[in-house]
Protein backbone atom coordinates (compact mmCIF):
# COMPACT_ATOMS: atom_id res chain seq x y z
CA MET A 1 -0.41 -0.06 0.28
CA LYS A 2 1.43 3.12 -1.04
CA SER A 3 1.66 5.67 1.32
CA LYS A 4 -1.11 8.21 -0.05
CA ASP A 5 -3.22 5.61 0.39
CA ARG A 6 -2.17 4.66 4.08
CA ALA A 7 -2.78 8.29 4.57
CA LYS A 8 -6.28 8.81 3.39
CA ASN A 9 -6.98 5.59 5.33
CA ARG A 10 -6.00 6.69 7.86
CA LEU A 11 -7.57 9.77 7.33
CA LYS A 12 -10.97 8.26 6.55
CA LEU A 13 -10.75 6.73 10.17
CA ILE A 14 -10.30 9.87 11.79
CA LEU A 15 -12.92 11.33 10.92
CA LEU A 16 -15.13 7.90 11.24
CA THR A 17 -13.83 8.15 15.13
CA ASP A 18 -14.98 11.56 15.41
CA ARG A 19 -18.27 11.39 14.13
CA LEU A 20 -18.75 8.69 16.57
CA LYS A 21 -17.09 10.24 19.02
CA LEU A 22 -14.52 7.58 20.45
CA SER A 23 -11.22 8.66 20.96
CA PRO A 24 -8.36 6.20 19.89
CA THR A 25 -7.61 4.99 23.21
CA GLN A 26 -12.05 3.72 22.67
CA LEU A 27 -11.10 2.36 19.53
CA GLU A 28 -8.50 -0.27 20.80
CA THR A 29 -10.26 -1.17 23.96
CA ILE A 30 -12.99 -2.24 21.86
CA LYS A 31 -10.79 -3.94 19.53
CA LEU A 32 -8.76 -5.68 22.33
CA GLU A 33 -11.87 -6.56 24.10
CA LEU A 34 -13.68 -7.91 21.19
CA ARG A 35 -10.46 -10.34 20.13
CA GLN A 36 -10.72 -11.33 23.77
CA VAL A 37 -14.69 -13.06 23.76
CA LEU A 38 -13.79 -14.06 20.63
CA ALA A 39 -11.04 -16.22 21.57
CA LYS A 40 -12.98 -16.82 24.49
CA TYR A 41 -15.82 -18.42 23.08
CA LEU A 42 -13.95 -19.53 19.52
CA PRO A 43 -11.24 -21.29 18.20
CA VAL A 44 -9.29 -18.83 16.87
CA ASP A 45 -5.43 -17.20 17.36
CA MET A 46 -6.23 -13.53 19.14
CA GLN A 47 -3.19 -12.51 16.86
CA THR A 48 -5.15 -13.16 13.86
CA ILE A 49 -7.63 -11.43 14.31
CA GLU A 50 -8.77 -8.23 12.48
CA VAL A 51 -10.79 -5.59 13.81
CA LEU A 52 -11.92 -2.73 11.64
CA LEU A 53 -13.89 0.33 11.64
CA GLU A 54 -15.23 0.78 8.18
CA ASP A 55 -17.18 3.92 6.75
CA ARG A 56 -19.74 2.28 4.06
CA LEU A 57 -22.24 4.00 2.01
CA ASN A 58 -22.02 6.87 4.43
CA ASP A 59 -22.85 3.72 7.32
CA PRO A 60 -20.26 3.19 9.62
CA GLN A 61 -19.43 -0.84 10.22
CA LEU A 62 -17.17 -2.78 12.38
CA VAL A 63 -15.75 -5.57 10.40
CA ILE A 64 -14.91 -8.41 12.08
CA GLN A 65 -11.89 -11.35 10.10
CA ALA A 66 -11.45 -14.15 12.56
CA PRO A 67 -9.91 -17.04 11.06
CA LEU A 68 -11.09 -19.99 12.77
CA PHE A 69 -9.15 -23.80 13.52
CA LYS A 70 -10.76 -26.81 12.56
CA LYS A 71 -11.36 -28.46 15.57
CA SER A 72 -9.51 -32.14 14.77
């Protein structure tokens, strides 16, 4: 990803968290707690869970990608 694209994505995230009235600390806390809950109930590695805040069609969305381990 080019630095221009990273800067654009960072600005989008800042604007979105501002609109939701979330501080960066609150957002990081939410992400950590979601990872912990998912790891408690599902066969996942906390390090592989991605928690993203996105703006899709002017609707803020929390997107979670969590690859599951196969049960043996």
